[in-house]
C-alpha atoms as a PDB file:
ATOM      1  CA  MET A   1       0.278  -0.176   0.341  1.00  0.00           C
ATOM      2  CA  PRO A   2       2.067   3.769  -0.756  1.00  0.00           C
ATOM      3  CA  ARG A   3       2.630   6.191   1.715  1.00  0.00           C
ATOM      4  CA  ALA A   4       0.355   8.336   2.720  1.00  0.00           C
ATOM      5  CA  GLY A   5      -0.350  11.056   0.443  1.00  0.00           C
ATOM      6  CA  LEU A   6       2.088  10.273  -2.286  1.00  0.00           C
ATOM      7  CA  THR A   7       1.195  11.568  -5.444  1.00  0.00           C
ATOM      8  CA  PRO A   8       3.071  11.422  -8.901  1.00  0.00           C
ATOM      9  CA  ARG A   9       4.137  15.261  -7.981  1.00  0.00           C
ATOM     10  CA  VAL A  10       5.376  14.266  -4.156  1.00  0.00           C
ATOM     11  CA  VAL A  11       7.582  11.278  -6.666  1.00  0.00           C
ATOM     12  CA  ALA A  12       8.785  13.567  -8.963  1.00  0.00           C
ATOM     13  CA  GLU A  13       9.801  16.190  -5.746  1.00  0.00           C
ATOM     14  CA  GLU A  14      11.377  13.558  -3.749  1.00  0.00           C
ATOM     15  CA  ALA A  15      13.483  12.106  -6.712  1.00  0.00           C
ATOM     16  CA  ALA A  16      14.857  16.086  -7.647  1.00  0.00           C
ATOM     17  CA  ARG A  17      15.910  16.306  -3.807  1.00  0.00           C
ATOM     18  CA  LEU A  18      17.834  12.663  -4.282  1.00  0.00           C
ATOM     19  CA  CYS A  19      19.008  13.904  -7.745  1.00  0.00           C
ATOM     20  CA  ASP A  20      20.174  16.872  -5.956  1.00  0.00           C
ATOM     21  CA  GLU A  21      21.803  15.293  -2.966  1.00  0.00           C
ATOM     22  CA  GLU A  22      23.425  12.313  -4.077  1.00  0.00           C
ATOM     23  CA  GLY A  23      22.900  12.324  -7.764  1.00  0.00           C
ATOM     24  CA  PHE A  24      21.060  12.094 -10.990  1.00  0.00           C
ATOM     25  CA  ASP A  25      22.964   8.612 -11.869  1.00  0.00           C
ATOM     26  CA  ALA A  26      21.774   7.404  -8.668  1.00  0.00           C
ATOM     27  CA  LEU A  27      18.045   7.555  -8.929  1.00  0.00           C
ATOM     28  CA  THR A  28      16.361   4.392  -9.553  1.00  0.00           C
ATOM     29  CA  LEU A  29      13.467   3.074  -8.618  1.00  0.00           C
ATOM     30  CA  ALA A  30      14.392   1.142  -5.647  1.00  0.00           C
ATOM     31  CA  SER A  31      16.581   4.646  -4.245  1.00  0.00           C
ATOM     32  CA  LEU A  32      13.249   6.831  -4.524  1.00  0.00           C
ATOM     33  CA  ALA A  33      11.550   4.013  -2.401  1.00  0.00           C
ATOM     34  CA  LYS A  34      13.577   3.767   0.649  1.00  0.00           C
ATOM     35  CA  ARG A  35      13.854   7.212   0.751  1.00  0.00           C
ATOM     36  CA  VAL A  36       9.641   7.765   0.702  1.00  0.00           C
ATOM     37  CA  GLY A  37       9.151   4.676   2.634  1.00  0.00           C
ATOM     38  CA  VAL A  38       7.589   2.241  -0.397  1.00  0.00           C
ATOM     39  CA  ALA A  39       7.855  -0.660  -2.325  1.00  0.00           C
ATOM     40  CA  ALA A  40       9.297   0.017  -5.382  1.00  0.00           C
ATOM     41  CA  PRO A  41       6.181  -2.017  -7.156  1.00  0.00           C
ATOM     42  CA  SER A  42       4.173   0.801  -5.807  1.00  0.00           C
ATOM     43  CA  LEU A  43       5.946   3.494  -7.588  1.00  0.00           C
ATOM     44  CA  TYR A  44       4.294   2.038 -10.489  1.00  0.00           C
ATOM     45  CA  LYS A  45       1.095   3.755  -9.419  1.00  0.00           C
ATOM     46  CA  HIS A  46       2.951   7.237  -9.996  1.00  0.00           C
ATOM     47  CA  VAL A  47       5.274   7.461 -12.474  1.00  0.00           C
ATOM     48  CA  ASP A  48       5.634   4.907 -15.467  1.00  0.00           C
ATOM     49  CA  GLY A  49       8.967   3.814 -14.944  1.00  0.00           C
ATOM     50  CA  LEU A  50      12.989   4.549 -14.226  1.00  0.00           C
ATOM     51  CA  ALA A  51      12.563   6.826 -17.814  1.00  0.00           C
ATOM     52  CA  ALA A  52       9.354   8.280 -16.844  1.00  0.00           C
ATOM     53  CA  LEU A  53      10.236   9.617 -13.298  1.00  0.00           C
ATOM     54  CA  ARG A  54      13.702  10.822 -14.889  1.00  0.00           C
ATOM     55  CA  ARG A  55      12.028  12.700 -17.577  1.00  0.00           C
ATOM     56  CA  GLU A  56       9.332  14.212 -14.579  1.00  0.00           C
ATOM     57  CA  VAL A  57      12.899  15.170 -13.154  1.00  0.00           C
ATOM     58  CA  ALA A  58      13.891  17.279 -16.196  1.00  0.00           C
ATOM     59  CA  LEU A  59      10.256  19.100 -16.166  1.00  0.00           C
ATOM     60  CA  LEU A  60      10.264  19.566 -13.372  1.00  0.00           C
ATOM     61  CA  GLY A  61      14.721  21.279 -13.082  1.00  0.00           C
ATOM     62  CA  THR A  62      13.603  23.076 -16.728  1.00  0.00           C
ATOM     63  CA  ALA A  63      10.213  24.695 -15.274  1.00  0.00           C
ATOM     64  CA  GLU A  64      12.007  25.948 -11.808  1.00  0.00           C
ATOM     65  CA  LEU A  65      15.600  26.857 -14.336  1.00  0.00           C
ATOM     66  CA  THR A  66      13.656  29.569 -16.524  1.00  0.00           C
ATOM     67  CA  GLU A  67      11.417  31.119 -13.294  1.00  0.00           C
ATOM     68  CA  VAL A  68      14.458  31.491 -11.759  1.00  0.00           C
ATOM     69  CA  LEU A  69      16.539  33.376 -15.758  1.00  0.00           C
ATOM     70  CA  ARG A  70      13.471  34.820 -16.190  1.00  0.00           C
ATOM     71  CA  GLY A  71      12.776  36.567 -12.215  1.00  0.00           C
ATOM     72  CA  ALA A  72      17.088  37.865 -12.704  1.00  0.00           C
ATOM     73  CA  ALA A  73      16.327  38.987 -16.558  1.00  0.00           C
ATOM     74  CA  VAL A  74      13.293  40.986 -15.151  1.00  0.00           C
ATOM     75  CA  GLY A  75      12.957  44.709 -15.283  1.00  0.00           C
ATOM     76  CA  GLN A  76      16.579  44.818 -17.014  1.00  0.00           C
ATOM     77  CA  ALA A  77      18.462  44.886 -20.600  1.00  0.00           C
ATOM     78  CA  GLY A  78      21.468  43.793 -22.630  1.00  0.00           C
ATOM     79  CA  ALA A  79      24.083  43.735 -19.937  1.00  0.00           C
ATOM     80  CA  PRO A  80      22.872  44.229 -16.826  1.00  0.00           C
ATOM     81  CA  ALA A  81      20.317  41.307 -18.035  1.00  0.00           C
ATOM     82  CA  LEU A  82      23.150  39.277 -18.352  1.00  0.00           C
ATOM     83  CA  ARG A  83      25.010  39.596 -15.468  1.00  0.00           C
ATOM     84  CA  ALA A  84      21.826  38.721 -14.096  1.00  0.00           C
ATOM     85  CA  VAL A  85      21.128  35.310 -16.121  1.00  0.00           C
ATOM     86  CA  ALA A  86      24.512  34.713 -15.541  1.00  0.00           C
ATOM     87  CA  ALA A  87      24.523  34.590 -11.440  1.00  0.00           C
ATOM     88  CA  ALA A  88      20.563  33.240 -11.432  1.00  0.00           C
ATOM     89  CA  TYR A  89      22.284  30.029 -14.320  1.00  0.00           C
ATOM     90  CA  ARG A  90      25.372  29.492 -11.429  1.00  0.00           C
ATOM     91  CA  GLY A  91      23.478  29.430  -8.416  1.00  0.00           C
ATOM     92  CA  TYR A  92      20.984  27.225  -9.729  1.00  0.00           C
ATOM     93  CA  ALA A  93      23.130  24.528 -11.141  1.00  0.00           C
ATOM     94  CA  ARG A  94      25.009  25.405  -7.770  1.00  0.00           C
ATOM     95  CA  ALA A  95      21.391  24.751  -5.753  1.00  0.00           C
ATOM     96  CA  HIS A  96      20.000  22.179  -7.404  1.00  0.00           C
ATOM     97  CA  PRO A  97      23.071  19.968  -8.651  1.00  0.00           C
ATOM     98  CA  GLY A  98      21.311  16.760  -9.569  1.00  0.00           C
ATOM     99  CA  ARG A  99      17.785  17.739 -11.359  1.00  0.00           C
ATOM    100  CA  TYR A 100      20.621  20.345 -13.368  1.00  0.00           C
ATOM    101  CA  ALA A 101      22.052  16.912 -15.267  1.00  0.00           C
ATOM    102  CA  ALA A 102      18.547  16.118 -15.547  1.00  0.00           C
ATOM    103  CA  LEU A 103      17.569  19.354 -17.818  1.00  0.00           C
ATOM    104  CA  GLN A 104      21.043  18.385 -19.861  1.00  0.00           C
ATOM    105  CA  ARG A 105      18.978  15.732 -21.627  1.00  0.00           C
ATOM    106  CA  ALA A 106      17.385  17.119 -24.845  1.00  0.00           C
ATOM    107  CA  PRO A 107      14.284  15.590 -24.970  1.00  0.00           C
ATOM    108  CA  ARG A 108      13.155  13.959 -27.108  1.00  0.00           C
ATOM    109  CA  ALA A 109      11.593  14.980 -30.802  1.00  0.00           C
ATOM    110  CA  ASP A 110       8.334  13.575 -30.138  1.00  0.00           C
ATOM    111  CA  ASP A 111       8.187  14.867 -26.501  1.00  0.00           C
ATOM    112  CA  GLU A 112       6.013  17.705 -27.051  1.00  0.00           C
ATOM    113  CA  GLU A 113       5.388  18.404 -23.378  1.00  0.00           C
ATOM    114  CA  ALA A 114       9.296  17.994 -22.905  1.00  0.00           C
ATOM    115  CA  GLN A 115      10.337  20.173 -25.995  1.00  0.00           C
ATOM    116  CA  ARG A 116       7.985  23.527 -24.892  1.00  0.00           C
ATOM    117  CA  ALA A 117       9.538  23.003 -20.998  1.00  0.00           C
ATOM    118  CA  ALA A 118      13.127  23.081 -22.666  1.00  0.00           C
ATOM    119  CA  ALA A 119      12.188  25.656 -25.063  1.00  0.00           C
ATOM    120  CA  GLY A 120      11.313  27.909 -21.340  1.00  0.00           C
ATOM    121  CA  PRO A 121      14.568  29.029 -21.044  1.00  0.00           C
ATOM    122  CA  VAL A 122      16.007  30.061 -24.665  1.00  0.00           C
ATOM    123  CA  ILE A 123      12.847  32.136 -24.639  1.00  0.00           C
ATOM    124  CA  VAL A 124      14.323  33.719 -21.782  1.00  0.00           C
ATOM    125  CA  LEU A 125      17.414  33.719 -23.429  1.00  0.00           C
ATOM    126  CA  ALA A 126      16.767  35.125 -26.760  1.00  0.00           C
ATOM    127  CA  ALA A 127      14.651  38.330 -24.742  1.00  0.00           C
ATOM    128  CA  VAL A 128      17.502  38.774 -23.238  1.00  0.00           C
ATOM    129  CA  LEU A 129      19.524  38.162 -26.614  1.00  0.00           C
ATOM    130  CA  ARG A 130      17.352  41.528 -27.782  1.00  0.00           C
ATOM    131  CA  GLY A 131      18.212  43.470 -24.889  1.00  0.00           C
ATOM    132  CA  PHE A 132      22.094  43.412 -27.262  1.00  0.00           C
ATOM    133  CA  GLY A 133      20.317  43.626 -30.823  1.00  0.00           C
ATOM    134  CA  ILE A 134      20.949  40.162 -31.363  1.00  0.00           C
ATOM    135  CA  GLY A 135      18.020  38.913 -34.058  1.00  0.00           C
ATOM    136  CA  ASP A 136      16.453  35.812 -34.131  1.00  0.00           C
ATOM    137  CA  GLY A 137      18.295  34.840 -37.197  1.00  0.00           C
ATOM    138  CA  GLN A 138      22.215  35.052 -35.440  1.00  0.00           C
ATOM    139  CA  ALA A 139      20.391  34.222 -31.540  1.00  0.00           C
ATOM    140  CA  VAL A 140      20.514  30.447 -31.993  1.00  0.00           C
ATOM    141  CA  HIS A 141      24.455  30.742 -32.653  1.00  0.00           C
ATOM    142  CA  ALA A 142      24.002  33.531 -29.734  1.00  0.00           C
ATOM    143  CA  ILE A 143      22.982  31.578 -27.663  1.00  0.00           C
ATOM    144  CA  ARG A 144      24.363  27.809 -27.909  1.00  0.00           C
ATOM    145  CA  ALA A 145      27.657  30.023 -27.426  1.00  0.00           C
ATOM    146  CA  LEU A 146      26.263  31.730 -24.502  1.00  0.00           C
ATOM    147  CA  ARG A 147      24.798  27.707 -22.833  1.00  0.00           C
ATOM    148  CA  SER A 148      28.009  26.439 -24.187  1.00  0.00           C
ATOM    149  CA  ALA A 149      30.040  28.178 -22.053  1.00  0.00           C
ATOM    150  CA  LEU A 150      28.321  28.983 -18.997  1.00  0.00           C
ATOM    151  CA  HIS A 151      27.477  25.136 -18.343  1.00  0.00           C
ATOM    152  CA  GLY A 152      30.910  24.236 -18.826  1.00  0.00           C
ATOM    153  CA  PHE A 153      32.108  26.821 -16.676  1.00  0.00           C
ATOM    154  CA  VAL A 154      29.805  24.759 -13.622  1.00  0.00           C
ATOM    155  CA  HIS A 155      29.615  22.041 -15.120  1.00  0.00           C
ATOM    156  CA  LEU A 156      33.537  22.436 -14.341  1.00  0.00           C
ATOM    157  CA  GLU A 157      32.843  23.111 -10.785  1.00  0.00           C
ATOM    158  CA  ALA A 158      30.939  20.819  -9.928  1.00  0.00           C
ATOM    159  CA  ASN A 159      33.275  18.491 -11.065  1.00  0.00           C
ATOM    160  CA  GLU A 160      35.929  19.909  -8.992  1.00  0.00           C
ATOM    161  CA  GLY A 161      37.833  20.413 -11.641  1.00  0.00           C
ATOM    162  CA  PHE A 162      39.532  24.147 -11.258  1.00  0.00           C
ATOM    163  CA  LYS A 163      42.439  23.611  -9.492  1.00  0.00           C
ATOM    164  CA  LEU A 164      44.384  26.355  -9.302  1.00  0.00           C
ATOM    165  CA  PRO A 165      43.729  29.321  -6.613  1.00  0.00           C
ATOM    166  CA  GLU A 166      43.028  32.074  -8.750  1.00  0.00           C
ATOM    167  CA  ASP A 167      39.220  33.630  -7.774  1.00  0.00           C
ATOM    168  CA  LEU A 168      36.050  31.436  -9.423  1.00  0.00           C
ATOM    169  CA  GLU A 169      34.476  34.218  -8.949  1.00  0.00           C
ATOM    170  CA  GLU A 170      36.392  35.976 -11.230  1.00  0.00           C
ATOM    171  CA  SER A 171      37.050  33.639 -13.888  1.00  0.00           C
ATOM    172  CA  TYR A 172      33.304  33.290 -14.016  1.00  0.00           C
ATOM    173  CA  ARG A 173      33.444  37.387 -13.769  1.00  0.00           C
ATOM    174  CA  LEU A 174      35.808  37.247 -15.826  1.00  0.00           C
ATOM    175  CA  LEU A 175      33.742  34.492 -18.296  1.00  0.00           C
ATOM    176  CA  VAL A 176      30.437  36.593 -18.375  1.00  0.00           C
ATOM    177  CA  GLU A 177      32.475  39.841 -19.245  1.00  0.00           C
ATOM    178  CA  GLY A 178      33.904  38.079 -22.401  1.00  0.00           C
ATOM    179  CA  PHE A 179      29.943  37.413 -23.268  1.00  0.00           C
ATOM    180  CA  VAL A 180      29.020  41.279 -23.171  1.00  0.00           C
ATOM    181  CA  ARG A 181      31.086  42.869 -25.277  1.00  0.00           C
ATOM    182  CA  ALA A 182      31.181  40.120 -27.535  1.00  0.00           C
ATOM    183  CA  PHE A 183      27.428  40.643 -28.068  1.00  0.00           C
ATOM    184  CA  GLU A 184      27.239  44.062 -27.842  1.00  0.00           C
ATOM    185  CA  SER A 185      29.444  42.978 -31.354  1.00  0.00           C
ATOM    186  CA  TRP A 186      27.501  40.980 -32.646  1.00  0.00           C
ATOM    187  CA  PRO A 187      27.028  40.142 -35.905  1.00  0.00           C
ATOM    188  CA  ASP A 188      23.576  41.546 -37.314  1.00  0.00           C
ATOM    189  CA  ASP A 189      21.270  39.440 -39.521  1.00  0.00           C
ATOM    190  CA  THR A 190      21.660  41.451 -42.191  1.00  0.00           C
ATOM    191  CA  ALA A 191      25.616  41.723 -42.143  1.00  0.00           C
ATOM    192  CA  ALA A 192      25.236  37.913 -41.430  1.00  0.00           C
ATOM    193  CA  ARG A 193      23.504  36.516 -44.391  1.00  0.00           C
ATOM    194  CA  ALA A 194      25.052  39.658 -46.697  1.00  0.00           C
ATOM    195  CA  GLY A 195      27.988  37.197 -45.552  1.00  0.00           C
ATOM    196  CA  ASP A 196      26.146  34.279 -47.781  1.00  0.00           C
ATOM    197  CA  GLY A 197      26.419  35.630 -51.060  1.00  0.00           C
END
């Protein structure tokens, strides 16, 4: 008999907490069942297997990250918005390492709900880039560059990849300032199309 109060939402939230505490790869039906005090088969009343559970953690993390980024960007544009969003991105990855790891896997092409959720952070970043005058034609390239750099930094930081004594805060600040400068001189859509000829 399932624990009283156990719902699909509670199961997803407990799975997310487990991921943050023990790592995304530590999430199994057995580890979650132990955490919530039920037998593993009882979880099937709330989630359709491990893949579905991992999907739920990714959906939860993506929704949270979208809100964190959106909240950081509100009322700002250009460089201040980028700085705030970059700080929020890193802060989320540090506070929720398991959820952050879950949302790095691209959703299946036929999973419309997950595709919509995954678009959330991208939409926020595109809005920030518009503050630099970067339009739709260049936004994907700019977002890929920014996301790759931010993810690379937070991934290395989480995995203790920075062993030199120099200040990590300063390194991250310089990374973000490099993108501020890059985005201030990013080619516009017209210039990019002119180079095609």
